[in-house]
C-alpha atoms as a PDB file:
ATOM      1  CA  MET A   1      25.624  96.276 101.820  1.00  0.00           C
ATOM      2  CA  SER A   2      22.995  98.632 100.204  1.00  0.00           C
ATOM      3  CA  LYS A   3      20.752  97.143  97.850  1.00  0.00           C
ATOM      4  CA  TYR A   4      21.162  99.742  95.690  1.00  0.00           C
ATOM      5  CA  TRP A   5      24.889  99.201  95.275  1.00  0.00           C
ATOM      6  CA  SER A   6      26.234  97.631  92.132  1.00  0.00           C
ATOM      7  CA  LYS A   7      27.600  94.180  91.752  1.00  0.00           C
ATOM      8  CA  MET A   8      31.163  96.125  91.133  1.00  0.00           C
ATOM      9  CA  ALA A   9      30.725  97.921  94.312  1.00  0.00           C
ATOM     10  CA  LYS A  10      29.501  94.977  96.392  1.00  0.00           C
ATOM     11  CA  ARG A  11      32.646  92.817  95.230  1.00  0.00           C
ATOM     12  CA  THR A  12      35.104  95.114  95.464  1.00  0.00           C
ATOM     13  CA  ASP A  13      37.754  95.397  98.725  1.00  0.00           C
ATOM     14  CA  PRO A  14      38.570  98.954  98.615  1.00  0.00           C
ATOM     15  CA  TYR A  15      42.443 100.300  99.167  1.00  0.00           C
ATOM     16  CA  VAL A  16      43.038 101.196 102.470  1.00  0.00           C
ATOM     17  CA  PRO A  17      45.942 104.255 103.117  1.00  0.00           C
ATOM     18  CA  GLY A  18      48.083 105.153 105.763  1.00  0.00           C
ATOM     19  CA  GLU A  19      46.947 107.183 108.521  1.00  0.00           C
ATOM     20  CA  GLN A  20      47.080 110.772 108.281  1.00  0.00           C
ATOM     21  CA  ILE A  21      46.997 112.850 111.388  1.00  0.00           C
ATOM     22  CA  ASP A  22      47.075 116.343 111.549  1.00  0.00           C
ATOM     23  CA  GLN A  23      48.390 116.797 114.409  1.00  0.00           C
ATOM     24  CA  LYS A  24      51.147 119.055 116.467  1.00  0.00           C
ATOM     25  CA  GLY A  25      54.617 116.823 117.286  1.00  0.00           C
ATOM     26  CA  ILE A  26      53.502 113.898 115.040  1.00  0.00           C
ATOM     27  CA  ILE A  27      56.456 112.301 113.639  1.00  0.00           C
ATOM     28  CA  LYS A  28      54.614 110.974 110.413  1.00  0.00           C
ATOM     29  CA  LEU A  29      56.434 107.955 109.028  1.00  0.00           C
ATOM     30  CA  ASN A  30      53.653 105.949 107.686  1.00  0.00           C
ATOM     31  CA  THR A  31      53.101 107.045 104.149  1.00  0.00           C
ATOM     32  CA  ASN A  32      56.303 107.150 102.334  1.00  0.00           C
ATOM     33  CA  GLU A  33      56.111 111.047 101.684  1.00  0.00           C
ATOM     34  CA  ASN A  34      59.414 112.852 100.744  1.00  0.00           C
ATOM     35  CA  PRO A  35      60.352 115.151 104.348  1.00  0.00           C
ATOM     36  CA  TYR A  36      61.523 117.510 102.093  1.00  0.00           C
ATOM     37  CA  PRO A  37      59.429 120.243 100.258  1.00  0.00           C
ATOM     38  CA  PRO A  38      59.273 120.443  96.458  1.00  0.00           C
ATOM     39  CA  SER A  39      61.664 122.456  94.517  1.00  0.00           C
ATOM     40  CA  PRO A  40      61.496 126.567  95.032  1.00  0.00           C
ATOM     41  CA  HIS A  41      60.852 126.493  90.929  1.00  0.00           C
ATOM     42  CA  ALA A  42      57.968 124.311  91.555  1.00  0.00           C
ATOM     43  CA  VAL A  43      56.442 126.431  94.145  1.00  0.00           C
ATOM     44  CA  ASP A  44      56.948 129.179  91.906  1.00  0.00           C
ATOM     45  CA  ALA A  45      55.568 127.653  88.884  1.00  0.00           C
ATOM     46  CA  ILE A  46      52.413 126.728  90.922  1.00  0.00           C
ATOM     47  CA  ARG A  47      52.072 130.418  92.120  1.00  0.00           C
ATOM     48  CA  LEU A  48      52.441 131.804  88.837  1.00  0.00           C
ATOM     49  CA  GLU A  49      49.924 129.687  87.510  1.00  0.00           C
ATOM     50  CA  MET A  50      47.345 130.591  90.060  1.00  0.00           C
ATOM     51  CA  ASP A  51      47.637 134.013  88.863  1.00  0.00           C
ATOM     52  CA  ARG A  52      46.673 132.911  85.407  1.00  0.00           C
ATOM     53  CA  LYS A  53      43.625 131.293  83.644  1.00  0.00           C
ATOM     54  CA  LEU A  54      42.009 128.892  86.250  1.00  0.00           C
ATOM     55  CA  GLN A  55      38.791 129.413  84.869  1.00  0.00           C
ATOM     56  CA  GLN A  56      39.828 127.583  81.579  1.00  0.00           C
ATOM     57  CA  TYR A  57      40.312 124.139  81.743  1.00  0.00           C
ATOM     58  CA  PRO A  58      43.722 122.845  81.521  1.00  0.00           C
ATOM     59  CA  SER A  59      45.147 120.976  78.360  1.00  0.00           C
ATOM     60  CA  PRO A  60      43.229 117.859  77.639  1.00  0.00           C
ATOM     61  CA  THR A  61      46.456 116.074  76.047  1.00  0.00           C
ATOM     62  CA  MET A  62      49.085 117.971  78.242  1.00  0.00           C
ATOM     63  CA  ASP A  63      51.472 117.807  75.221  1.00  0.00           C
ATOM     64  CA  SER A  64      53.924 120.008  77.055  1.00  0.00           C
ATOM     65  CA  LEU A  65      54.380 118.048  79.944  1.00  0.00           C
ATOM     66  CA  ARG A  66      54.564 115.059  78.476  1.00  0.00           C
ATOM     67  CA  ASP A  67      57.758 116.313  76.093  1.00  0.00           C
ATOM     68  CA  THR A  68      59.546 117.544  79.232  1.00  0.00           C
ATOM     69  CA  ILE A  69      58.721 113.915  80.972  1.00  0.00           C
ATOM     70  CA  ALA A  70      60.261 112.545  77.790  1.00  0.00           C
ATOM     71  CA  GLY A  71      62.981 114.892  77.517  1.00  0.00           C
ATOM     72  CA  TYR A  72      64.071 113.639  80.786  1.00  0.00           C
ATOM     73  CA  HIS A  73      63.797 109.537  79.851  1.00  0.00           C
ATOM     74  CA  GLN A  74      65.221 110.063  76.642  1.00  0.00           C
ATOM     75  CA  LEU A  75      62.116 109.226  74.897  1.00  0.00           C
ATOM     76  CA  ARG A  76      59.378 110.777  72.470  1.00  0.00           C
ATOM     77  CA  LYS A  77      56.313 112.539  73.857  1.00  0.00           C
ATOM     78  CA  GLU A  78      54.200 109.730  72.295  1.00  0.00           C
ATOM     79  CA  ASN A  79      55.608 107.374  74.858  1.00  0.00           C
ATOM     80  CA  VAL A  80      54.414 109.272  77.758  1.00  0.00           C
ATOM     81  CA  PHE A  81      51.191 109.554  79.274  1.00  0.00           C
ATOM     82  CA  VAL A  82      50.195 111.520  82.200  1.00  0.00           C
ATOM     83  CA  GLY A  83      47.467 111.424  84.800  1.00  0.00           C
ATOM     84  CA  ASN A  84      46.314 112.500  88.449  1.00  0.00           C
ATOM     85  CA  GLY A  85      48.802 110.207  90.154  1.00  0.00           C
ATOM     86  CA  SER A  86      50.001 107.094  89.696  1.00  0.00           C
ATOM     87  CA  ASP A  87      46.925 105.296  91.283  1.00  0.00           C
ATOM     88  CA  GLU A  88      45.142 106.158  88.581  1.00  0.00           C
ATOM     89  CA  VAL A  89      47.505 105.673  85.887  1.00  0.00           C
ATOM     90  CA  LEU A  90      47.696 102.055  87.377  1.00  0.00           C
ATOM     91  CA  GLY A  91      43.616 102.082  87.371  1.00  0.00           C
ATOM     92  CA  PHE A  92      43.656 103.105  83.791  1.00  0.00           C
ATOM     93  CA  SER A  93      46.230 100.303  83.213  1.00  0.00           C
ATOM     94  CA  PHE A  94      44.339  97.848  84.255  1.00  0.00           C
ATOM     95  CA  MET A  95      41.363  98.762  81.886  1.00  0.00           C
ATOM     96  CA  ALA A  96      43.624  99.070  79.010  1.00  0.00           C
ATOM     97  CA  PHE A  97      45.450  96.044  79.034  1.00  0.00           C
ATOM     98  CA  PHE A  98      43.988  93.476  81.305  1.00  0.00           C
ATOM     99  CA  ASP A  99      40.695  91.548  80.491  1.00  0.00           C
ATOM    100  CA  GLN A 100      38.225  89.721  82.677  1.00  0.00           C
ATOM    101  CA  ASP A 101      38.809  86.289  81.111  1.00  0.00           C
ATOM    102  CA  LYS A 102      42.302  86.459  81.813  1.00  0.00           C
ATOM    103  CA  ARG A 103      44.267  85.515  85.133  1.00  0.00           C
ATOM    104  CA  ILE A 104      46.984  87.954  85.451  1.00  0.00           C
ATOM    105  CA  ARG A 105      49.821  87.718  88.256  1.00  0.00           C
ATOM    106  CA  PHE A 106      51.520  89.862  90.865  1.00  0.00           C
ATOM    107  CA  PRO A 107      52.996  88.940  94.109  1.00  0.00           C
ATOM    108  CA  ALA A 108      51.342  88.022  97.008  1.00  0.00           C
ATOM    109  CA  VAL A 109      52.993  90.809  99.298  1.00  0.00           C
ATOM    110  CA  THR A 110      52.526  93.894  97.246  1.00  0.00           C
ATOM    111  CA  TYR A 111      51.035  97.294  96.698  1.00  0.00           C
ATOM    112  CA  SER A 112      47.355  96.188  97.754  1.00  0.00           C
ATOM    113  CA  PHE A 113      45.727  98.303  95.143  1.00  0.00           C
ATOM    114  CA  TYR A 114      46.700  95.772  92.648  1.00  0.00           C
ATOM    115  CA  PRO A 115      44.105  93.287  94.530  1.00  0.00           C
ATOM    116  CA  ALA A 116      41.613  96.209  94.817  1.00  0.00           C
ATOM    117  CA  TYR A 117      41.694  97.219  91.206  1.00  0.00           C
ATOM    118  CA  ALA A 118      41.495  93.358  90.316  1.00  0.00           C
ATOM    119  CA  LYS A 119      38.317  92.958  92.141  1.00  0.00           C
ATOM    120  CA  LEU A 120      36.439  96.371  90.969  1.00  0.00           C
ATOM    121  CA  PHE A 121      37.217  95.386  87.421  1.00  0.00           C
ATOM    122  CA  GLY A 122      36.660  91.677  87.356  1.00  0.00           C
ATOM    123  CA  ILE A 123      39.618  90.548  86.371  1.00  0.00           C
ATOM    124  CA  PRO A 124      41.198  87.056  88.043  1.00  0.00           C
ATOM    125  CA  TYR A 125      44.574  87.376  89.640  1.00  0.00           C
ATOM    126  CA  GLU A 126      47.156  85.007  90.891  1.00  0.00           C
ATOM    127  CA  GLU A 127      48.996  86.121  93.795  1.00  0.00           C
ATOM    128  CA  ILE A 128      52.447  84.713  93.640  1.00  0.00           C
ATOM    129  CA  PRO A 129      54.459  84.185  96.972  1.00  0.00           C
ATOM    130  CA  LEU A 130      57.704  85.730  97.682  1.00  0.00           C
ATOM    131  CA  ALA A 131      60.965  83.752  97.986  1.00  0.00           C
ATOM    132  CA  ARG A 132      62.499  83.283 101.603  1.00  0.00           C
ATOM    133  CA  ASP A 133      64.366  86.443 101.722  1.00  0.00           C
ATOM    134  CA  PHE A 134      61.722  88.278 100.280  1.00  0.00           C
ATOM    135  CA  SER A 135      62.739  88.740  96.640  1.00  0.00           C
ATOM    136  CA  LEU A 136      60.608  87.798  93.554  1.00  0.00           C
ATOM    137  CA  PRO A 137      60.485  84.226  92.102  1.00  0.00           C
ATOM    138  CA  ILE A 138      60.729  85.630  88.768  1.00  0.00           C
ATOM    139  CA  GLU A 139      60.102  82.560  86.476  1.00  0.00           C
ATOM    140  CA  ALA A 140      56.892  82.446  88.754  1.00  0.00           C
ATOM    141  CA  PHE A 141      56.012  85.335  86.446  1.00  0.00           C
ATOM    142  CA  PHE A 142      56.659  83.460  83.458  1.00  0.00           C
ATOM    143  CA  GLN A 143      53.928  82.707  80.411  1.00  0.00           C
ATOM    144  CA  SER A 144      51.450  84.466  82.378  1.00  0.00           C
ATOM    145  CA  ASP A 145      47.729  84.069  80.950  1.00  0.00           C
ATOM    146  CA  GLY A 146      46.507  87.664  81.262  1.00  0.00           C
ATOM    147  CA  GLY A 147      49.705  90.094  82.156  1.00  0.00           C
ATOM    148  CA  VAL A 148      51.989  90.744  85.467  1.00  0.00           C
ATOM    149  CA  ILE A 149      52.649  93.666  87.466  1.00  0.00           C
ATOM    150  CA  PHE A 150      55.025  94.244  90.212  1.00  0.00           C
ATOM    151  CA  PRO A 151      56.553  97.459  92.095  1.00  0.00           C
ATOM    152  CA  ASN A 152      60.364  97.785  91.638  1.00  0.00           C
ATOM    153  CA  PRO A 153      61.360  98.396  94.172  1.00  0.00           C
ATOM    154  CA  ASN A 154      58.653  96.292  95.764  1.00  0.00           C
ATOM    155  CA  ALA A 155      56.592  97.604  98.570  1.00  0.00           C
ATOM    156  CA  PRO A 156      56.012  97.516 101.643  1.00  0.00           C
ATOM    157  CA  THR A 157      59.371  95.386 101.518  1.00  0.00           C
ATOM    158  CA  SER A 158      61.536  97.739  99.362  1.00  0.00           C
ATOM    159  CA  VAL A 159      63.581  94.944  98.231  1.00  0.00           C
ATOM    160  CA  TYR A 160      64.919  95.688  94.225  1.00  0.00           C
ATOM    161  CA  LEU A 161      64.943  93.702  91.544  1.00  0.00           C
ATOM    162  CA  GLU A 162      67.867  94.088  89.138  1.00  0.00           C
ATOM    163  CA  LEU A 163      67.198  95.272  85.505  1.00  0.00           C
ATOM    164  CA  GLU A 164      68.421  91.840  84.302  1.00  0.00           C
ATOM    165  CA  TYR A 165      65.555  90.062  85.851  1.00  0.00           C
ATOM    166  CA  VAL A 166      63.105  92.418  84.822  1.00  0.00           C
ATOM    167  CA  ILE A 167      63.613  91.535  81.167  1.00  0.00           C
ATOM    168  CA  GLU A 168      63.636  87.818  81.758  1.00  0.00           C
ATOM    169  CA  VAL A 169      59.857  88.474  83.098  1.00  0.00           C
ATOM    170  CA  ILE A 170      59.361  90.890  80.150  1.00  0.00           C
ATOM    171  CA  GLU A 171      60.861  88.582  77.547  1.00  0.00           C
ATOM    172  CA  ASN A 172      58.845  85.540  78.613  1.00  0.00           C
ATOM    173  CA  ASN A 173      55.828  87.293  78.281  1.00  0.00           C
ATOM    174  CA  PRO A 174      55.980  88.397  74.747  1.00  0.00           C
ATOM    175  CA  ASP A 175      52.153  88.260  74.002  1.00  0.00           C
ATOM    176  CA  GLN A 176      51.091  90.291  77.413  1.00  0.00           C
ATOM    177  CA  VAL A 177      51.561  93.432  78.859  1.00  0.00           C
ATOM    178  CA  VAL A 178      54.243  93.755  81.536  1.00  0.00           C
ATOM    179  CA  ILE A 179      53.645  96.773  84.199  1.00  0.00           C
ATOM    180  CA  ILE A 180      56.536  98.010  86.258  1.00  0.00           C
ATOM    181  CA  ASP A 181      55.588  99.945  88.974  1.00  0.00           C
ATOM    182  CA  GLU A 182      58.546 102.256  89.988  1.00  0.00           C
ATOM    183  CA  ALA A 183      57.171 104.508  92.248  1.00  0.00           C
ATOM    184  CA  TYR A 184      60.448 104.355  94.434  1.00  0.00           C
ATOM    185  CA  ILE A 185      62.734 104.084  91.531  1.00  0.00           C
ATOM    186  CA  ASP A 186      64.716 106.991  92.208  1.00  0.00           C
ATOM    187  CA  PHE A 187      65.947 105.771  95.229  1.00  0.00           C
ATOM    188  CA  ALA A 188      66.948 102.750  93.794  1.00  0.00           C
ATOM    189  CA  GLY A 189      68.912 101.417  90.840  1.00  0.00           C
ATOM    190  CA  ALA A 190      68.419 101.568  86.757  1.00  0.00           C
ATOM    191  CA  SER A 191      64.944 102.266  85.823  1.00  0.00           C
ATOM    192  CA  ALA A 192      63.114 100.009  83.352  1.00  0.00           C
ATOM    193  CA  ALA A 193      62.080 103.347  81.396  1.00  0.00           C
ATOM    194  CA  THR A 194      65.408 102.478  79.593  1.00  0.00           C
ATOM    195  CA  LEU A 195      63.912  99.239  77.969  1.00  0.00           C
ATOM    196  CA  ILE A 196      60.928 101.183  76.492  1.00  0.00           C
ATOM    197  CA  ASP A 197      62.149 101.066  72.767  1.00  0.00           C
ATOM    198  CA  ALA A 198      63.423  97.990  72.876  1.00  0.00           C
ATOM    199  CA  TYR A 199      59.911  96.108  74.150  1.00  0.00           C
ATOM    200  CA  ASP A 200      56.399  96.966  72.804  1.00  0.00           C
ATOM    201  CA  ASN A 201      54.805  94.989  75.761  1.00  0.00           C
ATOM    202  CA  LEU A 202      56.689  97.123  78.633  1.00  0.00           C
ATOM    203  CA  LEU A 203      54.519  99.609  80.439  1.00  0.00           C
ATOM    204  CA  VAL A 204      56.867 101.533  83.337  1.00  0.00           C
ATOM    205  CA  VAL A 205      54.531 103.976  85.992  1.00  0.00           C
ATOM    206  CA  GLN A 206      56.095 106.175  87.896  1.00  0.00           C
ATOM    207  CA  THR A 207      55.057 108.954  90.256  1.00  0.00           C
ATOM    208  CA  MET A 208      55.933 112.487  91.506  1.00  0.00           C
ATOM    209  CA  SER A 209      54.684 111.994  94.916  1.00  0.00           C
ATOM    210  CA  LYS A 210      58.290 110.651  96.129  1.00  0.00           C
ATOM    211  CA  SER A 211      61.547 111.550  94.871  1.00  0.00           C
ATOM    212  CA  ARG A 212      59.877 115.138  93.736  1.00  0.00           C
ATOM    213  CA  SER A 213      58.108 116.310  96.764  1.00  0.00           C
ATOM    214  CA  LEU A 214      54.878 116.559  94.732  1.00  0.00           C
ATOM    215  CA  ALA A 215      52.334 113.825  96.677  1.00  0.00           C
ATOM    216  CA  GLY A 216      49.998 116.767  97.208  1.00  0.00           C
ATOM    217  CA  MET A 217      49.714 117.950  93.627  1.00  0.00           C
ATOM    218  CA  ARG A 218      48.558 114.094  92.494  1.00  0.00           C
ATOM    219  CA  ILE A 219      50.947 113.542  89.415  1.00  0.00           C
ATOM    220  CA  GLY A 220      51.645 110.388  87.996  1.00  0.00           C
ATOM    221  CA  PHE A 221      52.775 109.064  84.961  1.00  0.00           C
ATOM    222  CA  ALA A 222      53.275 105.935  82.322  1.00  0.00           C
ATOM    223  CA  LEU A 223      55.944 105.413  79.803  1.00  0.00           C
ATOM    224  CA  GLY A 224      55.511 102.721  76.829  1.00  0.00           C
ATOM    225  CA  ASN A 225      55.507 102.237  73.401  1.00  0.00           C
ATOM    226  CA  SER A 226      53.119 104.283  71.511  1.00  0.00           C
ATOM    227  CA  ASP A 227      50.098 101.916  71.036  1.00  0.00           C
ATOM    228  CA  LEU A 228      50.209 101.248  74.488  1.00  0.00           C
ATOM    229  CA  ILE A 229      49.763 105.103  75.219  1.00  0.00           C
ATOM    230  CA  LYS A 230      47.149 105.172  72.708  1.00  0.00           C
ATOM    231  CA  GLY A 231      45.216 102.578  74.671  1.00  0.00           C
ATOM    232  CA  LEU A 232      45.734 104.485  78.015  1.00  0.00           C
ATOM    233  CA  THR A 233      44.394 107.949  76.034  1.00  0.00           C
ATOM    234  CA  ARG A 234      41.248 105.677  74.919  1.00  0.00           C
ATOM    235  CA  VAL A 235      40.379 105.138  78.197  1.00  0.00           C
ATOM    236  CA  LYS A 236      41.181 108.239  79.990  1.00  0.00           C
ATOM    237  CA  ASN A 237      39.097 109.854  77.331  1.00  0.00           C
ATOM    238  CA  SER A 238      36.038 107.642  77.595  1.00  0.00           C
ATOM    239  CA  PHE A 239      36.515 108.728  81.722  1.00  0.00           C
ATOM    240  CA  ASN A 240      37.802 112.073  82.233  1.00  0.00           C
ATOM    241  CA  SER A 241      39.577 114.345  79.092  1.00  0.00           C
ATOM    242  CA  TYR A 242      40.895 116.627  81.976  1.00  0.00           C
ATOM    243  CA  THR A 243      42.830 114.513  84.667  1.00  0.00           C
ATOM    244  CA  MET A 244      45.261 116.828  85.544  1.00  0.00           C
ATOM    245  CA  ASP A 245      44.932 120.370  86.464  1.00  0.00           C
ATOM    246  CA  ARG A 246      46.603 123.614  85.685  1.00  0.00           C
ATOM    247  CA  LEU A 247      48.633 123.843  88.941  1.00  0.00           C
ATOM    248  CA  ALA A 248      49.695 120.399  88.793  1.00  0.00           C
ATOM    249  CA  ILE A 249      50.839 120.523  85.142  1.00  0.00           C
ATOM    250  CA  ALA A 250      52.916 123.850  86.161  1.00  0.00           C
ATOM    251  CA  GLY A 251      54.682 122.547  89.045  1.00  0.00           C
ATOM    252  CA  ALA A 252      55.174 118.937  87.613  1.00  0.00           C
ATOM    253  CA  GLU A 253      57.282 120.556  84.859  1.00  0.00           C
ATOM    254  CA  ALA A 254      59.008 123.047  87.102  1.00  0.00           C
ATOM    255  CA  ALA A 255      60.295 119.977  89.379  1.00  0.00           C
ATOM    256  CA  ILE A 256      61.378 117.853  86.479  1.00  0.00           C
ATOM    257  CA  ASN A 257      63.624 120.779  84.990  1.00  0.00           C
ATOM    258  CA  ASP A 258      65.106 121.603  88.653  1.00  0.00           C
ATOM    259  CA  HIS A 259      67.526 118.311  88.134  1.00  0.00           C
ATOM    260  CA  THR A 260      70.040 119.879  90.972  1.00  0.00           C
ATOM    261  CA  TYR A 261      67.502 120.053  93.609  1.00  0.00           C
ATOM    262  CA  PHE A 262      66.009 116.670  92.816  1.00  0.00           C
ATOM    263  CA  LEU A 263      69.612 115.176  93.104  1.00  0.00           C
ATOM    264  CA  GLN A 264      70.287 117.092  96.307  1.00  0.00           C
ATOM    265  CA  THR A 265      67.251 115.910  98.014  1.00  0.00           C
ATOM    266  CA  THR A 266      67.248 112.349  96.708  1.00  0.00           C
ATOM    267  CA  LYS A 267      70.997 111.707  97.624  1.00  0.00           C
ATOM    268  CA  LYS A 268      70.093 113.159 101.491  1.00  0.00           C
ATOM    269  CA  ILE A 269      67.002 110.558 101.790  1.00  0.00           C
ATOM    270  CA  ILE A 270      69.779 107.716 100.621  1.00  0.00           C
ATOM    271  CA  GLN A 271      71.772 109.311 102.774  1.00  0.00           C
ATOM    272  CA  THR A 272      69.719 108.747 105.943  1.00  0.00           C
ATOM    273  CA  ARG A 273      68.321 105.923 104.683  1.00  0.00           C
ATOM    274  CA  GLU A 274      71.525 103.936 105.073  1.00  0.00           C
ATOM    275  CA  GLN A 275      72.298 105.698 108.813  1.00  0.00           C
ATOM    276  CA  VAL A 276      68.837 104.599 109.889  1.00  0.00           C
ATOM    277  CA  ILE A 277      69.586 100.761 108.854  1.00  0.00           C
ATOM    278  CA  SER A 278      72.788 100.720 111.296  1.00  0.00           C
ATOM    279  CA  ARG A 279      70.443 102.082 114.069  1.00  0.00           C
ATOM    280  CA  LEU A 280      67.816  99.772 113.551  1.00  0.00           C
ATOM    281  CA  LYS A 281      70.524  96.739 113.322  1.00  0.00           C
ATOM    282  CA  GLU A 282      71.972  98.172 116.714  1.00  0.00           C
ATOM    283  CA  ASN A 283      68.743  98.322 118.094  1.00  0.00           C
ATOM    284  CA  GLY A 284      67.623  94.416 117.528  1.00  0.00           C
ATOM    285  CA  PHE A 285      66.364  94.818 114.683  1.00  0.00           C
ATOM    286  CA  THR A 286      66.613  92.787 111.176  1.00  0.00           C
ATOM    287  CA  VAL A 287      66.545  94.959 107.933  1.00  0.00           C
ATOM    288  CA  LEU A 288      65.533  93.975 104.507  1.00  0.00           C
ATOM    289  CA  PRO A 289      68.149  95.341 101.882  1.00  0.00           C
ATOM    290  CA  SER A 290      66.211  98.986 100.873  1.00  0.00           C
ATOM    291  CA  GLN A 291      66.448 100.662  97.839  1.00  0.00           C
ATOM    292  CA  ALA A 292      63.262 103.096  98.088  1.00  0.00           C
ATOM    293  CA  ASN A 293      62.708 105.671 100.692  1.00  0.00           C
ATOM    294  CA  PHE A 294      61.640 103.547 103.421  1.00  0.00           C
ATOM    295  CA  VAL A 295      62.823 100.476 105.372  1.00  0.00           C
ATOM    296  CA  PHE A 296      61.085  97.016 106.114  1.00  0.00           C
ATOM    297  CA  ALA A 297      62.100  96.296 110.077  1.00  0.00           C
ATOM    298  CA  SER A 298      61.488  93.116 112.419  1.00  0.00           C
ATOM    299  CA  HIS A 299      62.814  93.331 115.963  1.00  0.00           C
ATOM    300  CA  TYR A 300      63.949  89.981 117.079  1.00  0.00           C
ATOM    301  CA  LYS A 301      62.010  89.993 120.420  1.00  0.00           C
ATOM    302  CA  LEU A 302      59.310  92.545 120.143  1.00  0.00           C
ATOM    303  CA  LYS A 303      56.312  92.421 118.256  1.00  0.00           C
ATOM    304  CA  ALA A 304      55.604  94.482 115.311  1.00  0.00           C
ATOM    305  CA  ASN A 305      51.852  95.211 115.983  1.00  0.00           C
ATOM    306  CA  TRP A 306      53.207  96.250 119.555  1.00  0.00           C
ATOM    307  CA  LEU A 307      55.302  98.404 118.339  1.00  0.00           C
ATOM    308  CA  TYR A 308      53.656  99.872 115.908  1.00  0.00           C
ATOM    309  CA  GLU A 309      50.620 100.653 119.185  1.00  0.00           C
ATOM    310  CA  ARG A 310      53.209 101.938 121.401  1.00  0.00           C
ATOM    311  CA  LEU A 311      55.210 104.168 119.057  1.00  0.00           C
ATOM    312  CA  LYS A 312      51.707 105.690 117.741  1.00  0.00           C
ATOM    313  CA  GLU A 313      51.144 106.324 121.453  1.00  0.00           C
ATOM    314  CA  ASN A 314      54.478 108.298 121.351  1.00  0.00           C
ATOM    315  CA  HIS A 315      53.033 110.268 119.073  1.00  0.00           C
ATOM    316  CA  VAL A 316      55.263 108.501 115.884  1.00  0.00           C
ATOM    317  CA  LEU A 317      53.304 106.461 113.026  1.00  0.00           C
ATOM    318  CA  VAL A 318      54.786 104.022 110.929  1.00  0.00           C
ATOM    319  CA  ARG A 319      52.797 100.915 109.010  1.00  0.00           C
ATOM    320  CA  TYR A 320      51.970  98.088 110.139  1.00  0.00           C
ATOM    321  CA  PHE A 321      50.648  95.185 108.136  1.00  0.00           C
ATOM    322  CA  ASP A 322      48.473  92.391 109.670  1.00  0.00           C
ATOM    323  CA  LYS A 323      49.268  90.003 107.272  1.00  0.00           C
ATOM    324  CA  ASN A 324      51.336  86.705 106.600  1.00  0.00           C
ATOM    325  CA  PRO A 325      54.045  86.669 106.085  1.00  0.00           C
ATOM    326  CA  ILE A 326      55.128  90.321 107.096  1.00  0.00           C
ATOM    327  CA  LYS A 327      52.807  90.788 110.124  1.00  0.00           C
ATOM    328  CA  ASN A 328      56.041  90.825 112.335  1.00  0.00           C
ATOM    329  CA  TYR A 329      57.268  93.646 110.180  1.00  0.00           C
ATOM    330  CA  LEU A 330      57.184  97.848 110.384  1.00  0.00           C
ATOM    331  CA  ARG A 331      57.294  99.754 107.219  1.00  0.00           C
ATOM    332  CA  ILE A 332      59.301 103.128 108.321  1.00  0.00           C
ATOM    333  CA  THR A 333      59.353 106.336 106.045  1.00  0.00           C
ATOM    334  CA  ILE A 334      62.534 107.823 105.918  1.00  0.00           C
ATOM    335  CA  GLY A 335      62.100 111.583 107.352  1.00  0.00           C
ATOM    336  CA  THR A 336      64.914 114.292 108.106  1.00  0.00           C
ATOM    337  CA  ASP A 337      67.653 113.394 110.101  1.00  0.00           C
ATOM    338  CA  GLU A 338      65.737 115.268 112.758  1.00  0.00           C
ATOM    339  CA  ASP A 339      62.903 113.405 112.176  1.00  0.00           C
ATOM    340  CA  MET A 340      65.108 110.047 112.646  1.00  0.00           C
ATOM    341  CA  ASP A 341      66.795 111.041 115.703  1.00  0.00           C
ATOM    342  CA  THR A 342      62.859 111.401 117.460  1.00  0.00           C
ATOM    343  CA  PHE A 343      62.081 108.795 116.072  1.00  0.00           C
ATOM    344  CA  PHE A 344      65.210 106.454 117.508  1.00  0.00           C
ATOM    345  CA  LYS A 345      64.608 108.432 120.910  1.00  0.00           C
ATOM    346  CA  ARG A 346      60.957 107.800 121.112  1.00  0.00           C
ATOM    347  CA  LEU A 347      61.542 103.972 120.219  1.00  0.00           C
ATOM    348  CA  ASN A 348      64.448 103.412 122.448  1.00  0.00           C
ATOM    349  CA  THR A 349      62.050 104.706 125.049  1.00  0.00           C
ATOM    350  CA  VAL A 350      59.139 102.207 124.292  1.00  0.00           C
ATOM    351  CA  ILE A 351      61.879  99.239 123.797  1.00  0.00           C
ATOM    352  CA  ALA A 352      63.018 100.177 127.564  1.00  0.00           C
ATOM    353  CA  GLU A 353      59.730 100.084 128.703  1.00  0.00           C
ATOM    354  CA  GLN A 354      58.284  96.448 128.058  1.00  0.00           C
ATOM    355  CA  THR A 355      60.209  93.306 126.235  1.00  0.00           C
ATOM    356  CA  VAL A 356      57.228  90.812 124.501  1.00  0.00           C
ATOM    357  CA  SER A 357      58.116  87.429 123.661  1.00  0.00           C
ATOM    358  CA  PHE A 358      56.335  86.224 120.779  1.00  0.00           C
END
C-alpha cells in the first residue's frame, strides 16, 4: 500500500468483476449478461440522440426517464431515482441510509459489492449465514440496528424469496431502511416495488443491464417513498450532478416502452433456463431452484474449481467463487439455445476427460 493512500483506500476490499475476455470462439457465461441485443427501438433512440446535442449536459433531474419508470411501476416520479448502473445506486444508498455507528445486515453469501461498500464507507456489518438449502433465514434479519440489504433473487445462488417473507423483514425493521436489490427480478416472481406505497422504509433497486440488455449503457434505478428518493438525490448531487449521459437516458426510455420485446426475450431466457437445469441434472449436477438468468450448480463428483479451469481451457467462461459454503458450485449464465448447446458439448468433453474425487 502506498503511504499516500487515505484510510478509506487502505481499508477497502474492492469488488472483483467477472472476467471480460474479448476473444473469438469464447462462450461467455460468467457475468449474467443478456444474450439477446437491446430493443431495436432503444438502439434507434440512441442513434438519434447521437445526432443531437451531445455538446450539452444531460438533464441532472432526468425527469422524463423517471416519469417513464414510474409509469411502468404504477408509481410517481417522486418515487424514482436513476443512476449510472445499479452499483452506483447501491453505493449512494449505503451513503444515504447506513451510518458508521450502526451495524447493518446482509447474507454471508450474496453480492460481494455489499461488503466492499461497507468497508469503503466504514459501515459495520453482520453477515447472516444462509440456511442449509441456501434460503434466507428471515428472522435473522429482524430488528437490525442499522438496516438490511439483500438481493432477491439472491446472487450468486439464484434463490428467490417470496414476497410474503420480504414483507416480514420490512415490518420487523420499522425504524431502518430495508433495501431489496432486484437485479434479476424480471426472471422471477413478484417485485417488492408493489409494496412502495405501503412501507416508508423500503427501497427497491433494479437495473437495466439484465432483462433490458443494456449492460453496456450502465442504467440503474431505485424505487421508494419520496423522502428516501430525496436522500439519494442529496448524496448524488454532492458527488456528481450528471450521473447519466444523454445516450443512456434515451435508450432506457425506449427500452422500457418496448414492452413486447422485453416480454419476448425474458420469456425465451426463462424457457432456456429450465432446459439447462434439466440437462445439468442429467449430467450429474445438483441445481438450486433458479429464478434468475443464471443457475447455480454443483457436480456430484467433479470439483467446481477443476471444472471451471477445464471449461476455461475449452473456451467457456463460467463463474467460480472460492468461498465456503459455495466453493463447490459454479454460476452459469443462461445464453442463447445455441450458446448452451455449445456449452454442453464442451462440458461433456471435459467430463469425459477425467473424473476427480473430492
